[in-house]
Amino acid sequence: MVCEVSFRSKQGKTVVLRVYSDKVEVTGDFFTSEEDLEKLEKCLANGNRECNVYILGVEITELFDAVQECRKSKKD
């Protein structure tokens, strides 16, 4: 695992993000379908800021920024 980070989204939802070398896992108390969650995780793992998914309670840009920060901290 590269890193794990927990944070509160701007909308007040708890998010736990785990970044591995080849994948990203996102859990928390936000709302989305299982299919959209899988798409989101793949999208973030590929380094995409724009993901065509519906998620309630957290902005995709918040997740993307957290993934980038984890990857940056691993390089330092």
N, C-alpha and C. Protein backbone atom coordinates (compact mmCIF):
# COMPACT_ATOMS: atom_id res chain seq x y z
N MET A 1 0.85 -1.17 0.00
CA MET A 1 0.00 0.00 0.00
C MET A 1 0.90 1.24 0.00
N VAL A 2 0.55 2.20 -0.84
CA VAL A 2 1.27 3.45 -0.89
C VAL A 2 0.89 4.30 0.32
N CYS A 3 -0.42 4.48 0.53
CA CYS A 3 -0.85 5.20 1.73
C CYS A 3 -2.35 5.02 1.96
N GLU A 4 -2.76 5.41 3.15
CA GLU A 4 -4.17 5.41 3.53
C GLU A 4 -4.46 6.76 4.17
N VAL A 5 -5.57 7.37 3.76
CA VAL A 5 -5.93 8.66 4.31
C VAL A 5 -7.43 8.66 4.61
N SER A 6 -7.79 9.26 5.74
CA SER A 6 -9.19 9.44 6.12
C SER A 6 -9.45 10.93 6.21
N PHE A 7 -10.61 11.35 5.70
CA PHE A 7 -10.94 12.77 5.77
C PHE A 7 -12.45 12.95 5.71
N ARG A 8 -12.87 14.17 6.07
CA ARG A 8 -14.28 14.55 5.96
C ARG A 8 -14.41 15.35 4.67
N SER A 9 -15.37 14.97 3.85
CA SER A 9 -15.60 15.69 2.60
C SER A 9 -16.19 17.06 2.90
N LYS A 10 -16.21 17.92 1.89
CA LYS A 10 -16.80 19.25 2.05
C LYS A 10 -18.27 19.15 2.43
N GLN A 11 -18.91 18.03 2.08
CA GLN A 11 -20.32 17.82 2.38
C GLN A 11 -20.52 17.07 3.70
N GLY A 12 -19.42 16.84 4.44
CA GLY A 12 -19.51 16.26 5.78
C GLY A 12 -19.48 14.75 5.86
N LYS A 13 -19.17 14.08 4.77
CA LYS A 13 -19.12 12.62 4.78
C LYS A 13 -17.70 12.14 5.09
N THR A 14 -17.60 11.03 5.81
CA THR A 14 -16.31 10.43 6.11
C THR A 14 -15.86 9.59 4.92
N VAL A 15 -14.59 9.75 4.54
CA VAL A 15 -14.03 9.02 3.41
C VAL A 15 -12.72 8.38 3.85
N VAL A 16 -12.55 7.11 3.50
CA VAL A 16 -11.28 6.41 3.70
C VAL A 16 -10.78 6.02 2.33
N LEU A 17 -9.58 6.46 2.01
CA LEU A 17 -9.00 6.24 0.70
C LEU A 17 -7.71 5.44 0.87
N ARG A 18 -7.61 4.33 0.19
CA ARG A 18 -6.39 3.51 0.21
C ARG A 18 -5.82 3.48 -1.21
N VAL A 19 -4.57 3.88 -1.31
CA VAL A 19 -3.91 3.93 -2.60
C VAL A 19 -2.82 2.87 -2.62
N TYR A 20 -2.91 2.00 -3.59
CA TYR A 20 -1.91 0.96 -3.83
C TYR A 20 -1.17 1.31 -5.11
N SER A 21 -0.14 0.59 -5.45
CA SER A 21 0.61 0.91 -6.66
C SER A 21 -0.23 0.75 -7.92
N ASP A 22 -1.20 -0.16 -7.91
CA ASP A 22 -1.97 -0.43 -9.12
C ASP A 22 -3.48 -0.24 -8.97
N LYS A 23 -3.94 0.16 -7.77
CA LYS A 23 -5.39 0.34 -7.59
C LYS A 23 -5.67 1.32 -6.47
N VAL A 24 -6.93 1.75 -6.43
CA VAL A 24 -7.41 2.67 -5.40
C VAL A 24 -8.68 2.08 -4.81
N GLU A 25 -8.81 2.13 -3.48
CA GLU A 25 -10.04 1.70 -2.80
C GLU A 25 -10.63 2.90 -2.08
N VAL A 26 -11.93 3.08 -2.23
CA VAL A 26 -12.63 4.19 -1.59
C VAL A 26 -13.77 3.62 -0.76
N THR A 27 -13.82 3.97 0.53
CA THR A 27 -14.93 3.58 1.39
C THR A 27 -15.35 4.80 2.19
N GLY A 28 -16.53 4.72 2.78
CA GLY A 28 -17.00 5.82 3.61
C GLY A 28 -18.51 5.84 3.68
N ASP A 29 -19.04 6.94 4.21
CA ASP A 29 -20.49 7.03 4.40
C ASP A 29 -21.17 7.88 3.33
N PHE A 30 -20.57 7.97 2.16
CA PHE A 30 -21.19 8.63 1.02
C PHE A 30 -22.09 7.62 0.31
N PHE A 31 -22.81 8.08 -0.71
CA PHE A 31 -23.76 7.20 -1.40
C PHE A 31 -23.45 7.11 -2.88
N THR A 32 -23.40 5.88 -3.39
CA THR A 32 -23.23 5.61 -4.81
C THR A 32 -23.55 4.14 -5.04
N SER A 33 -23.71 3.76 -6.28
CA SER A 33 -23.95 2.34 -6.59
C SER A 33 -22.62 1.59 -6.59
N GLU A 34 -22.71 0.29 -6.44
CA GLU A 34 -21.50 -0.55 -6.47
C GLU A 34 -20.79 -0.41 -7.83
N GLU A 35 -21.58 -0.34 -8.90
CA GLU A 35 -21.00 -0.20 -10.24
C GLU A 35 -20.25 1.12 -10.37
N ASP A 36 -20.86 2.22 -9.92
CA ASP A 36 -20.19 3.51 -10.00
C ASP A 36 -18.96 3.57 -9.10
N LEU A 37 -19.01 2.90 -7.95
CA LEU A 37 -17.85 2.86 -7.07
C LEU A 37 -16.68 2.16 -7.75
N GLU A 38 -16.95 1.04 -8.41
CA GLU A 38 -15.89 0.33 -9.14
C GLU A 38 -15.32 1.20 -10.26
N LYS A 39 -16.20 1.87 -11.00
CA LYS A 39 -15.75 2.77 -12.07
C LYS A 39 -14.90 3.90 -11.50
N LEU A 40 -15.35 4.46 -10.37
CA LEU A 40 -14.62 5.55 -9.73
C LEU A 40 -13.23 5.11 -9.32
N GLU A 41 -13.12 3.95 -8.69
CA GLU A 41 -11.83 3.45 -8.24
C GLU A 41 -10.88 3.23 -9.42
N LYS A 42 -11.38 2.68 -10.51
CA LYS A 42 -10.56 2.49 -11.71
C LYS A 42 -10.13 3.82 -12.30
N CYS A 43 -11.06 4.73 -12.36
CA CYS A 43 -10.79 6.06 -12.89
C CYS A 43 -9.69 6.75 -12.08
N LEU A 44 -9.80 6.73 -10.77
CA LEU A 44 -8.80 7.36 -9.91
C LEU A 44 -7.46 6.65 -10.01
N ALA A 45 -7.47 5.33 -10.11
CA ALA A 45 -6.22 4.57 -10.24
C ALA A 45 -5.49 4.93 -11.53
N ASN A 46 -6.26 5.27 -12.56
CA ASN A 46 -5.66 5.65 -13.84
C ASN A 46 -5.25 7.12 -13.89
N GLY A 47 -5.46 7.84 -12.81
CA GLY A 47 -5.05 9.24 -12.74
C GLY A 47 -5.99 10.21 -13.41
N ASN A 48 -7.25 9.82 -13.56
CA ASN A 48 -8.23 10.69 -14.21
C ASN A 48 -8.97 11.54 -13.18
N ARG A 49 -9.04 12.83 -13.44
CA ARG A 49 -9.78 13.75 -12.58
C ARG A 49 -11.27 13.73 -12.93
N GLU A 50 -11.58 13.50 -14.18
CA GLU A 50 -12.96 13.47 -14.66
C GLU A 50 -13.44 12.03 -14.73
N CYS A 51 -14.41 11.68 -13.91
CA CYS A 51 -14.96 10.32 -13.88
C CYS A 51 -16.47 10.43 -14.10
N ASN A 52 -17.00 9.66 -15.00
CA ASN A 52 -18.41 9.73 -15.34
C ASN A 52 -19.23 8.82 -14.41
N VAL A 53 -19.32 9.23 -13.14
CA VAL A 53 -20.06 8.46 -12.14
C VAL A 53 -20.90 9.41 -11.29
N TYR A 54 -21.91 8.85 -10.64
CA TYR A 54 -22.75 9.62 -9.72
C TYR A 54 -22.39 9.23 -8.30
N ILE A 55 -22.02 10.22 -7.51
CA ILE A 55 -21.66 9.97 -6.12
C ILE A 55 -22.22 11.12 -5.28
N LEU A 56 -22.86 10.80 -4.18
CA LEU A 56 -23.50 11.78 -3.33
C LEU A 56 -22.75 11.87 -2.00
N GLY A 57 -22.29 13.05 -1.65
CA GLY A 57 -21.65 13.25 -0.36
C GLY A 57 -20.17 13.54 -0.44
N VAL A 58 -19.56 13.39 -1.60
CA VAL A 58 -18.14 13.71 -1.76
C VAL A 58 -17.90 14.08 -3.22
N GLU A 59 -17.06 15.07 -3.43
CA GLU A 59 -16.73 15.49 -4.78
C GLU A 59 -15.58 14.65 -5.32
N ILE A 60 -15.65 14.31 -6.58
CA ILE A 60 -14.60 13.50 -7.20
C ILE A 60 -13.26 14.22 -7.15
N THR A 61 -13.28 15.53 -7.26
CA THR A 61 -12.02 16.27 -7.21
C THR A 61 -11.35 16.13 -5.84
N GLU A 62 -12.15 16.00 -4.77
CA GLU A 62 -11.57 15.77 -3.44
C GLU A 62 -10.83 14.43 -3.41
N LEU A 63 -11.45 13.42 -3.99
CA LEU A 63 -10.83 12.09 -4.04
C LEU A 63 -9.58 12.11 -4.91
N PHE A 64 -9.68 12.75 -6.07
CA PHE A 64 -8.53 12.83 -6.97
C PHE A 64 -7.36 13.52 -6.29
N ASP A 65 -7.62 14.65 -5.62
CA ASP A 65 -6.55 15.38 -4.93
C ASP A 65 -5.91 14.53 -3.83
N ALA A 66 -6.72 13.76 -3.11
CA ALA A 66 -6.18 12.89 -2.06
C ALA A 66 -5.30 11.79 -2.65
N VAL A 67 -5.70 11.22 -3.78
CA VAL A 67 -4.89 10.19 -4.45
C VAL A 67 -3.56 10.80 -4.89
N GLN A 68 -3.61 11.98 -5.49
CA GLN A 68 -2.39 12.63 -5.95
C GLN A 68 -1.46 12.93 -4.79
N GLU A 69 -2.01 13.37 -3.67
CA GLU A 69 -1.21 13.67 -2.49
C GLU A 69 -0.54 12.40 -1.94
N CYS A 70 -1.28 11.30 -1.94
CA CYS A 70 -0.70 10.03 -1.49
C CYS A 70 0.46 9.62 -2.39
N ARG A 71 0.26 9.71 -3.68
CA ARG A 71 1.32 9.33 -4.61
C ARG A 71 2.52 10.25 -4.50
N LYS A 72 2.27 11.52 -4.27
CA LYS A 72 3.37 12.49 -4.10
C LYS A 72 4.15 12.19 -2.83
N SER A 73 3.46 11.89 -1.74
CA SER A 73 4.13 11.62 -0.47
C SER A 73 4.98 10.36 -0.54
N LYS A 74 4.59 9.41 -1.37
CA LYS A 74 5.36 8.18 -1.54
C LYS A 74 6.69 8.48 -2.24
N LYS A 75 6.67 9.44 -3.17
CA LYS A 75 7.89 9.78 -3.92
C LYS A 75 8.88 10.56 -3.06
N ASP A 76 8.38 11.31 -2.07
CA ASP A 76 9.26 12.15 -1.24
C ASP A 76 10.11 11.34 -0.31
